[in-house]
Protein backbone atom coordinates (compact mmCIF):
# COMPACT_ATOMS: atom_id res chain seq x y z
CA MET A 1 -17.92 -23.82 -2.48
CA ILE A 2 -20.71 -22.07 -0.53
CA LEU A 3 -19.67 -20.40 2.71
CA SER A 4 -21.31 -18.21 5.31
CA ASN A 5 -20.29 -14.58 5.73
CA GLN A 6 -18.45 -15.52 8.93
CA SER A 7 -16.35 -18.15 7.16
CA ARG A 8 -15.59 -15.89 4.18
CA GLU A 9 -14.51 -13.11 6.52
CA PHE A 10 -12.28 -15.53 8.43
CA LEU A 11 -10.61 -16.74 5.22
CA GLU A 12 -10.07 -13.15 4.04
CA ASN A 13 -8.50 -12.24 7.39
CA LEU A 14 -6.34 -15.37 7.30
CA ARG A 15 -5.10 -14.52 3.80
CA LEU A 16 -4.33 -10.94 4.90
CA TYR A 17 -2.47 -12.19 7.98
CA LEU A 18 -0.34 -14.65 6.02
CA VAL A 19 0.41 -12.18 3.22
CA SER A 20 1.49 -9.50 5.72
CA SER A 21 3.63 -12.16 7.44
CA GLY A 22 5.64 -12.70 4.25
CA LYS A 23 4.42 -16.20 3.43
CA LYS A 24 4.61 -17.66 -0.07
CA GLU A 25 1.60 -16.84 -2.24
CA GLU A 26 1.14 -20.40 -3.55
CA ASP A 27 1.25 -21.80 0.01
CA ILE A 28 -1.30 -19.23 1.16
CA GLU A 29 -3.74 -20.08 -1.62
CA ASP A 30 -3.36 -23.82 -0.93
CA ILE A 31 -4.05 -23.33 2.78
CA VAL A 32 -7.01 -21.00 2.21
CA SER A 33 -8.52 -23.30 -0.43
CA GLU A 34 -8.13 -26.41 1.73
CA LEU A 35 -9.53 -24.70 4.81
CA GLY A 36 -12.39 -23.30 2.73
CA ASP A 37 -13.36 -26.83 1.71
CA HIS A 38 -13.29 -27.95 5.36
CA LEU A 39 -15.44 -25.01 6.42
CA SER A 40 -17.94 -25.67 3.63
CA GLU A 41 -18.34 -29.28 4.68
CA ALA A 42 -18.53 -28.33 8.37
CA GLU A 43 -21.28 -25.78 7.74
CA LYS A 44 -23.35 -28.41 5.97
CA GLN A 45 -23.24 -30.30 9.26
CA GLY A 46 -24.25 -27.24 11.27
CA LYS A 47 -20.76 -26.43 12.55
CA SER A 48 -19.03 -23.03 12.64
CA VAL A 49 -15.54 -21.60 12.19
CA HIS A 50 -14.71 -22.14 15.86
CA ASP A 51 -15.59 -25.83 15.58
CA ILE A 52 -12.96 -26.23 12.85
CA VAL A 53 -10.31 -23.87 14.24
CA GLY A 54 -10.68 -25.21 17.78
CA GLN A 55 -9.27 -22.01 19.32
CA SER A 56 -9.41 -18.26 18.88
CA PRO A 57 -8.85 -17.04 15.30
CA ARG A 58 -5.77 -15.11 16.42
CA GLU A 59 -4.13 -18.15 18.02
CA TYR A 60 -4.94 -20.26 14.97
CA MET A 61 -3.44 -17.70 12.58
CA GLU A 62 -0.31 -17.31 14.70
CA GLN A 63 0.14 -21.07 14.95
CA LEU A 64 -0.44 -21.58 11.23
CA GLY A 65 1.87 -18.71 10.33
CA GLY A 66 4.58 -20.12 12.58
CA GLU A 67 4.45 -23.46 10.75
CA MET A 68 4.82 -21.86 7.27
CA ARG A 69 8.19 -20.73 5.95
CA VAL A 70 8.83 -17.10 5.12
CA ASP A 71 9.23 -16.36 1.41
CA SER A 72 12.38 -14.26 1.75
CA LYS A 73 13.01 -14.10 -2.01
CA SER A 74 9.60 -12.54 -2.67
CA ILE A 75 10.05 -10.13 0.23
CA VAL A 76 13.33 -8.90 -1.23
CA LYS A 77 11.87 -8.76 -4.76
CA TYR A 78 8.68 -6.92 -3.83
CA GLY A 79 10.48 -4.74 -1.28
CA THR A 80 12.94 -3.58 -3.94
CA PHE A 81 10.10 -3.06 -6.41
CA PHE A 82 8.06 -0.91 -4.00
CA LEU A 83 11.16 1.00 -2.90
CA MET A 84 11.79 1.90 -6.53
CA GLY A 85 8.16 3.01 -6.81
CA ALA A 86 8.39 5.19 -3.70
CA LEU A 87 11.63 6.79 -4.89
CA ALA A 88 10.06 7.36 -8.32
CA TYR A 89 7.29 9.43 -6.69
CA ILE A 90 9.78 11.48 -4.68
CA LEU A 91 12.26 12.06 -7.51
CA LEU A 92 9.66 12.87 -10.15
CA GLY A 93 8.24 15.50 -7.81
CA ASP A 94 11.72 17.00 -7.40
CA VAL A 95 12.21 17.08 -11.19
CA ILE A 96 8.92 18.92 -11.67
CA ARG A 97 9.79 21.44 -8.94
CA GLY A 98 13.09 22.48 -10.47
CA GLY A 99 15.49 19.54 -10.37
CA ILE A 100 16.89 16.88 -8.08
CA GLU A 101 19.35 17.67 -5.34
CA LEU A 102 19.89 14.83 -2.85
CA SER A 103 21.94 15.04 0.31
CA VAL A 104 23.59 12.10 2.04
CA MET A 105 20.98 12.51 4.78
CA GLN A 106 18.20 11.99 2.23
CA LEU A 107 19.96 9.09 0.49
CA VAL A 108 20.12 7.28 3.81
CA GLY A 109 16.84 8.54 5.23
CA TYR A 110 14.48 7.63 2.36
CA PRO A 111 15.22 3.86 2.40
CA VAL A 112 15.16 3.78 6.22
CA ILE A 113 11.73 5.46 6.30
CA PHE A 114 10.46 3.12 3.60
CA PHE A 115 11.45 -0.10 5.38
CA LEU A 116 10.22 1.18 8.76
CA TYR A 117 6.88 2.02 7.15
CA ILE A 118 6.60 -1.35 5.41
CA GLY A 119 7.22 -3.06 8.75
CA LEU A 120 4.55 -0.91 10.38
CA ILE A 121 2.03 -1.71 7.62
CA ALA A 122 2.68 -5.44 8.01
CA GLY A 123 2.26 -5.22 11.78
CA VAL A 124 -0.99 -3.24 11.59
CA PHE A 125 -2.52 -5.53 8.97
CA ARG A 126 -1.59 -8.62 10.98
CA HIS A 127 -3.23 -7.09 14.05
CA ILE A 128 -6.40 -6.18 12.14
CA ALA A 129 -6.61 -9.63 10.53
CA SER A 130 -6.03 -11.63 13.72
CA SER A 131 -7.75 -9.46 16.36
CA GLN A 132 -10.65 -8.19 14.23
CA PRO A 133 -10.95 -4.89 16.13
CA SER A 134 -13.98 -2.63 15.85
CA LYS A 135 -14.45 -0.50 12.75
CA ARG A 136 -13.56 2.58 14.79
CA LYS A 137 -10.26 1.06 15.90
CA GLN A 138 -9.52 -0.14 12.37
CA TRP A 139 -10.00 3.37 10.97
CA THR A 140 -7.86 4.76 13.79
CA LEU A 141 -5.03 2.35 12.94
CA LEU A 142 -5.33 3.12 9.23
CA GLY A 143 -5.33 6.83 10.04
CA ILE A 144 -2.09 6.36 11.96
CA LEU A 145 -0.63 4.63 8.91
CA GLY A 146 -1.50 7.71 6.90
CA VAL A 147 0.07 10.14 9.39
CA VAL A 148 3.29 8.22 10.10
CA PRO A 149 5.01 8.64 6.69
CA ILE A 150 4.16 12.35 6.62
CA SER A 151 5.66 12.75 10.10
CA LEU A 152 8.76 10.77 9.17
CA PHE A 153 9.35 12.79 5.99
CA LEU A 154 8.83 16.06 7.87
CA GLY A 155 11.35 14.85 10.44
CA LEU A 156 13.81 14.04 7.65
CA ILE A 157 13.32 17.52 6.16
CA ILE A 158 14.03 19.15 9.53
CA LEU A 159 17.13 17.01 10.08
CA ASN A 160 18.32 17.69 6.55
CA GLU A 161 18.04 21.44 7.13
CA LYS A 162 19.63 21.32 10.58
CA TYR A 163 22.56 19.07 9.72
CA GLU A 164 24.15 19.85 6.39
CA THR A 165 25.62 16.87 4.55
CA PRO A 166 27.25 16.61 1.11
CA ALA A 167 24.68 16.77 -1.70
CA ILE A 168 24.42 15.53 -5.26
CA GLN A 169 22.83 17.87 -7.80
CA PHE A 170 21.48 16.25 -10.97
CA SER A 171 22.22 17.75 -14.36
CA ASP A 172 19.44 18.51 -16.87
CA SER A 173 20.05 15.24 -18.71
CA ALA A 174 20.08 13.29 -15.42
CA ASN A 175 16.79 14.94 -14.40
CA LEU A 176 15.25 14.02 -17.75
CA LEU A 177 16.48 10.42 -17.47
CA THR A 178 15.11 10.20 -13.91
CA ALA A 179 11.71 11.50 -15.03
CA ILE A 180 11.54 8.95 -17.86
CA SER A 181 12.66 6.16 -15.53
CA SER A 182 9.98 7.13 -13.00
CA VAL A 183 7.26 6.98 -15.65
CA VAL A 184 8.54 3.56 -16.79
CA ILE A 185 8.45 2.34 -13.17
CA PHE A 186 4.84 3.55 -12.77
CA ILE A 187 3.82 1.73 -15.96
CA GLY A 188 5.68 -1.40 -14.85
CA MET A 189 3.91 -1.36 -11.47
CA SER A 190 0.58 -0.94 -13.22
CA VAL A 191 1.24 -3.93 -15.50
CA TRP A 192 2.43 -6.03 -12.55
CA SER A 193 -0.51 -5.15 -10.30
CA LYS A 194 -3.03 -5.24 -13.19
CA THR A 195 -4.55 -1.95 -12.04
CA TRP A 196 -4.36 1.68 -13.15
CA VAL A 197 -3.66 3.00 -9.65
CA SER A 198 0.13 3.35 -10.01
CA ILE A 199 -0.40 5.45 -13.16
CA LEU A 200 -3.46 7.46 -12.11
CA VAL A 201 -2.20 8.43 -8.65
CA PRO A 202 1.01 10.16 -9.88
CA LEU A 203 -1.04 11.65 -12.73
CA PHE A 204 -3.48 13.21 -10.23
CA ILE A 205 -0.62 14.32 -7.97
CA PHE A 206 1.73 15.82 -10.55
CA GLY A 207 -0.59 16.54 -13.49
CA PRO A 208 -2.26 19.68 -12.06
CA GLU A 209 1.10 21.08 -10.99
CA LEU A 210 2.56 20.59 -14.48
CA LEU A 211 -0.44 22.20 -16.16
CA LEU A 212 -0.55 25.18 -13.79
CA ASN A 213 3.20 25.81 -14.18
CA ILE A 214 2.59 26.98 -17.75
CA THR A 215 -0.04 29.53 -16.65
CA ASP A 216 0.48 33.11 -15.46
CA PHE A 217 -1.31 32.58 -12.15
CA GLN A 218 0.31 33.78 -8.95
CA GLU A 219 2.27 31.15 -7.03
CA SER A 220 -0.26 31.04 -4.18
CA THR A 221 -3.09 30.51 -6.70
CA LYS A 222 -1.14 27.72 -8.41
CA ILE A 223 -0.60 25.92 -5.11
CA THR A 224 -4.26 26.24 -4.13
CA LEU A 225 -5.62 25.09 -7.48
CA SER A 226 -3.08 22.29 -7.74
CA SER A 227 -4.07 20.96 -4.30
CA LEU A 228 -7.80 21.19 -5.07
CA LEU A 229 -7.44 19.40 -8.42
CA MET A 230 -5.21 16.73 -6.89
CA PHE A 231 -7.62 15.93 -4.04
CA ALA A 232 -10.61 16.08 -6.38
CA GLY A 233 -8.97 13.62 -8.78
CA LEU A 234 -7.79 11.24 -6.06
CA GLY A 235 -11.12 11.43 -4.23
CA SER A 236 -13.10 10.71 -7.39
CA TYR A 237 -10.92 7.76 -8.31
CA PHE A 238 -10.99 6.13 -4.87
CA PHE A 239 -14.76 6.72 -4.61
CA TYR A 240 -15.17 4.97 -7.96
CA VAL A 241 -13.03 2.04 -6.75
CA TYR A 242 -15.03 1.86 -3.51
CA LYS A 243 -18.37 1.79 -5.34
CA LYS A 244 -17.07 -0.82 -7.76
CA GLU A 245 -15.87 -3.05 -4.91
CA SER A 246 -19.19 -2.59 -3.10
CA ARG A 247 -21.14 -3.71 -6.17
CA LEU A 248 -18.82 -6.70 -6.56
CA ARG A 249 -19.29 -7.74 -2.91
CA LYS A 250 -23.07 -7.45 -3.20
CA ARG A 251 -23.04 -9.55 -6.36
CA THR A 252 -20.83 -12.16 -4.66
CA ASN A 253 -23.10 -12.30 -1.61
CA THR A 254 -26.14 -12.66 -3.85
CA PHE A 255 -24.76 -15.72 -5.64
CA ALA A 256 -23.19 -17.24 -2.50
């Protein structure tokens, strides 16, 4: 199936829109494959995406999404899976920094922040896929996605300090069990996603801190070096992924 760049971009945006709308993966692939065949045949006759869609891409995506049923089972399954992953990051960090102590405020706040953030991600991705805003606006929206969780967690920290609620302090054995469970969750996410990201990211985040904790450096030096090593590791990894994806796209466009 040979398609123009415009048609490939439309299909990619359609897939992103339907995925972020919670539609079933098998249904999405069937729709995208069928539409891809129609677009391929239409382009052979000199037609474009708009000739097939018959309306604006956004209206077409919204109409198509409205006709497909929501895959609630997968949403619950993946939502629970990602919630466990997010909690694993938070709790492993607490273990490394001296042990876990969770207040009722945190026990309620962490899941609330997670689900609010997931909803925001879905909304932003749907908007990007259907409206196709400029690159500047896309980066602005993605930047907001990066700032929001930090702001929410800072807000939770302030509330937790201002309003004291009963807290649960983990024992040494509970901390050890939580650390092991977190590592198992990271490995499970890596196997499920078929990527190393869920293992490498916590390694880059927590690895430098663990290594520097056994040194005699001053605390300020440890914090500085830990931050530098973390950002250097994460930056190098994501740059590698970006270059790899760029080479793959160029190769795809060459053979298309």
